[in-house]
Structures are given as C-alpha cells and as structure tokens.
Amino acid sequence: MSEPTVAPVAAPADAVAWFSDLTRADVPRVGGKGANLGELVHAGLPVPPGFVVTADAYLSAMQRGGVREALASLSCSAMSRNRSAVSTPARSGISARLSPAARYWRRS
C-alpha cells in the first residue's frame, strides 16, 4: 500500500494551546486532560512545558484527511453488520489517512 501524499497546511494560530494558558473553563476547547494540566501548572505543581491540540483543529484535520467521511460511511454500514466486521476496516482506513509523521508517533 502506498503512502498517501499529504500537502503541508499552515495551522491556524489557535490550533494549539499551551498548558500555562489553560484553566478548567477551557474544557470544551481542549478537553479535560489539557484543561487539568493547565490547572496543575497554575497550582504550581511540576508539569513539563507542553501544549494540546484544540478540538477544532483536530476535527478540521480529520475532515481534511477524509477520516470523518470514511467513519460516517462505515457507521452507516455498521447498522447491518456486526461490530468486528466494521472495526477492522475503520482502523485501517484511519491509519491510511494519517500523515506519515502521525503514523511515526503512533508507533513510538
């Protein structure tokens, strides 16, 4: 199977959020883990510097990569088949659409 080509896309400025900028109020934007890491930073606990990808940026990348459409198609076919018959093609389809860099980090 050949590697899909992925054109570089400039990320919007709000695609990532630094832990030090996050609070509990940011859960809808960055999820619970990211917001809680921000709370730990503000509490003065030792948290390595880091960032999270925002939910909007993640969903946008899934859309651009065709993953959302592939999952929607598989979920429609799941209504008539058992779960294991759909889960393997779903994992394969997502992996095929991930950028080479994302596949590298998943293996690590």
C-alpha atoms as a PDB file:
ATOM      1  CA  MET A   1       0.000   0.000   0.000  1.00  0.00           C
ATOM      2  CA  SER A   2       1.485   3.346  -0.981  1.00  0.00           C
ATOM      3  CA  GLU A   3       1.785   6.247   1.420  1.00  0.00           C
ATOM      4  CA  PRO A   4      -0.905   8.901   0.911  1.00  0.00           C
ATOM      5  CA  THR A   5       0.528  12.256  -0.021  1.00  0.00           C
ATOM      6  CA  VAL A   6      -0.236  14.976   2.452  1.00  0.00           C
ATOM      7  CA  ALA A   7       0.165  18.593   1.431  1.00  0.00           C
ATOM      8  CA  PRO A   8       1.530  20.776   4.219  1.00  0.00           C
ATOM      9  CA  VAL A   9      -1.147  23.001   5.682  1.00  0.00           C
ATOM     10  CA  ALA A  10      -0.411  26.045   7.798  1.00  0.00           C
ATOM     11  CA  ALA A  11      -2.004  25.569  11.184  1.00  0.00           C
ATOM     12  CA  PRO A  12      -4.154  28.405  12.463  1.00  0.00           C
ATOM     13  CA  ALA A  13      -2.764  30.260  15.465  1.00  0.00           C
ATOM     14  CA  ASP A  14      -5.438  28.741  17.701  1.00  0.00           C
ATOM     15  CA  ALA A  15      -4.693  25.133  16.687  1.00  0.00           C
ATOM     16  CA  VAL A  16      -2.683  24.583  19.859  1.00  0.00           C
ATOM     17  CA  ALA A  17      -2.962  25.867  23.408  1.00  0.00           C
ATOM     18  CA  TRP A  18      -0.144  25.922  25.946  1.00  0.00           C
ATOM     19  CA  PHE A  19      -0.773  24.291  29.331  1.00  0.00           C
ATOM     20  CA  SER A  20       0.160  27.551  31.064  1.00  0.00           C
ATOM     21  CA  ASP A  21      -2.701  29.334  29.262  1.00  0.00           C
ATOM     22  CA  LEU A  22      -5.386  26.801  30.208  1.00  0.00           C
ATOM     23  CA  THR A  23      -7.888  26.563  33.039  1.00  0.00           C
ATOM     24  CA  ARG A  24     -10.905  24.451  33.849  1.00  0.00           C
ATOM     25  CA  ALA A  25     -13.004  26.834  31.726  1.00  0.00           C
ATOM     26  CA  ASP A  26     -11.168  25.576  28.608  1.00  0.00           C
ATOM     27  CA  VAL A  27     -12.557  22.016  28.752  1.00  0.00           C
ATOM     28  CA  PRO A  28     -14.858  22.496  25.712  1.00  0.00           C
ATOM     29  CA  ARG A  29     -11.935  23.820  23.644  1.00  0.00           C
ATOM     30  CA  VAL A  30      -9.122  21.452  24.695  1.00  0.00           C
ATOM     31  CA  GLY A  31     -10.711  18.596  26.621  1.00  0.00           C
ATOM     32  CA  GLY A  32     -10.405  17.606  30.248  1.00  0.00           C
ATOM     33  CA  LYS A  33      -6.822  16.383  30.183  1.00  0.00           C
ATOM     34  CA  GLY A  34      -5.463  19.583  28.677  1.00  0.00           C
ATOM     35  CA  ALA A  35      -7.507  21.829  30.958  1.00  0.00           C
ATOM     36  CA  ASN A  36      -6.453  19.846  34.038  1.00  0.00           C
ATOM     37  CA  LEU A  37      -2.788  20.117  33.056  1.00  0.00           C
ATOM     38  CA  GLY A  38      -3.312  23.875  32.930  1.00  0.00           C
ATOM     39  CA  GLU A  39      -4.833  23.791  36.403  1.00  0.00           C
ATOM     40  CA  LEU A  40      -1.808  21.859  37.678  1.00  0.00           C
ATOM     41  CA  VAL A  41       0.540  24.466  36.194  1.00  0.00           C
ATOM     42  CA  HIS A  42      -1.428  27.269  37.877  1.00  0.00           C
ATOM     43  CA  ALA A  43      -1.325  25.361  41.178  1.00  0.00           C
ATOM     44  CA  GLY A  44       2.488  25.420  40.974  1.00  0.00           C
ATOM     45  CA  LEU A  45       2.913  21.680  40.523  1.00  0.00           C
ATOM     46  CA  PRO A  46       5.791  20.399  38.379  1.00  0.00           C
ATOM     47  CA  VAL A  47       4.346  19.975  34.886  1.00  0.00           C
ATOM     48  CA  PRO A  48       6.706  19.876  31.896  1.00  0.00           C
ATOM     49  CA  PRO A  49       6.081  22.665  29.383  1.00  0.00           C
ATOM     50  CA  GLY A  50       3.653  21.479  26.755  1.00  0.00           C
ATOM     51  CA  PHE A  51       0.612  22.074  24.635  1.00  0.00           C
ATOM     52  CA  VAL A  52      -2.557  20.401  23.428  1.00  0.00           C
ATOM     53  CA  VAL A  53      -4.159  20.379  20.002  1.00  0.00           C
ATOM     54  CA  THR A  54      -7.549  22.084  20.226  1.00  0.00           C
ATOM     55  CA  ALA A  55     -10.697  20.129  19.486  1.00  0.00           C
ATOM     56  CA  ASP A  56     -11.492  22.334  16.479  1.00  0.00           C
ATOM     57  CA  ALA A  57      -8.022  21.800  14.994  1.00  0.00           C
ATOM     58  CA  TYR A  58      -8.304  18.038  15.496  1.00  0.00           C
ATOM     59  CA  LEU A  59     -11.728  17.860  13.843  1.00  0.00           C
ATOM     60  CA  SER A  60     -10.519  20.054  10.992  1.00  0.00           C
ATOM     61  CA  ALA A  61      -7.559  17.735  10.362  1.00  0.00           C
ATOM     62  CA  MET A  62      -9.879  14.718  10.419  1.00  0.00           C
ATOM     63  CA  GLN A  63     -12.112  16.452   7.863  1.00  0.00           C
ATOM     64  CA  ARG A  64      -9.222  17.451   5.558  1.00  0.00           C
ATOM     65  CA  GLY A  65      -7.801  13.930   5.710  1.00  0.00           C
ATOM     66  CA  GLY A  66     -11.107  12.331   4.740  1.00  0.00           C
ATOM     67  CA  VAL A  67     -11.318  10.396   8.005  1.00  0.00           C
ATOM     68  CA  ARG A  68     -14.683  11.822   9.087  1.00  0.00           C
ATOM     69  CA  GLU A  69     -16.345  10.815   5.799  1.00  0.00           C
ATOM     70  CA  ALA A  70     -14.811   7.340   5.947  1.00  0.00           C
ATOM     71  CA  LEU A  71     -16.068   6.843   9.506  1.00  0.00           C
ATOM     72  CA  ALA A  72     -19.537   8.120   8.582  1.00  0.00           C
ATOM     73  CA  SER A  73     -19.672   5.655   5.713  1.00  0.00           C
ATOM     74  CA  LEU A  74     -18.538   2.788   7.938  1.00  0.00           C
ATOM     75  CA  SER A  75     -21.024   3.689  10.651  1.00  0.00           C
ATOM     76  CA  CYS A  76     -23.852   3.528   8.127  1.00  0.00           C
ATOM     77  CA  SER A  77     -22.781   0.064   7.071  1.00  0.00           C
ATOM     78  CA  ALA A  78     -22.441  -0.956  10.734  1.00  0.00           C
ATOM     79  CA  MET A  79     -26.217  -0.860  11.080  1.00  0.00           C
ATOM     80  CA  SER A  80     -26.423  -4.023   9.006  1.00  0.00           C
ATOM     81  CA  ARG A  81     -23.246  -5.821  10.140  1.00  0.00           C
ATOM     82  CA  ASN A  82     -21.614  -6.852  13.378  1.00  0.00           C
ATOM     83  CA  ARG A  83     -19.128  -4.587  15.156  1.00  0.00           C
ATOM     84  CA  SER A  84     -15.979  -6.604  14.410  1.00  0.00           C
ATOM     85  CA  ALA A  85     -16.745  -6.586  10.686  1.00  0.00           C
ATOM     86  CA  VAL A  86     -16.647  -2.780  10.781  1.00  0.00           C
ATOM     87  CA  SER A  87     -13.924  -2.028  13.364  1.00  0.00           C
ATOM     88  CA  THR A  88     -11.020  -3.534  11.397  1.00  0.00           C
ATOM     89  CA  PRO A  89     -11.772  -1.581   8.197  1.00  0.00           C
ATOM     90  CA  ALA A  90     -12.271   1.552  10.310  1.00  0.00           C
ATOM     91  CA  ARG A  91      -8.827   1.230  11.919  1.00  0.00           C
ATOM     92  CA  SER A  92      -7.238   0.505   8.541  1.00  0.00           C
ATOM     93  CA  GLY A  93      -8.966   3.459   6.911  1.00  0.00           C
ATOM     94  CA  ILE A  94      -7.902   5.877   9.618  1.00  0.00           C
ATOM     95  CA  SER A  95      -4.308   4.636   9.555  1.00  0.00           C
ATOM     96  CA  ALA A  96      -4.177   5.011   5.771  1.00  0.00           C
ATOM     97  CA  ARG A  97      -5.286   8.631   6.039  1.00  0.00           C
ATOM     98  CA  LEU A  98      -2.885   9.658   8.819  1.00  0.00           C
ATOM     99  CA  SER A  99       0.120  11.700   7.793  1.00  0.00           C
ATOM    100  CA  PRO A 100       3.491   9.923   7.809  1.00  0.00           C
ATOM    101  CA  ALA A 101       4.502  11.925  10.892  1.00  0.00           C
ATOM    102  CA  ALA A 102       1.365  10.892  12.766  1.00  0.00           C
ATOM    103  CA  ARG A 103       1.974   7.229  11.899  1.00  0.00           C
ATOM    104  CA  TYR A 104       5.546   7.565  13.210  1.00  0.00           C
ATOM    105  CA  TRP A 105       4.397   8.939  16.565  1.00  0.00           C
ATOM    106  CA  ARG A 106       1.699   6.251  16.919  1.00  0.00           C
ATOM    107  CA  ARG A 107       4.395   3.558  16.592  1.00  0.00           C
ATOM    108  CA  SER A 108       6.676   5.157  19.195  1.00  0.00           C
END
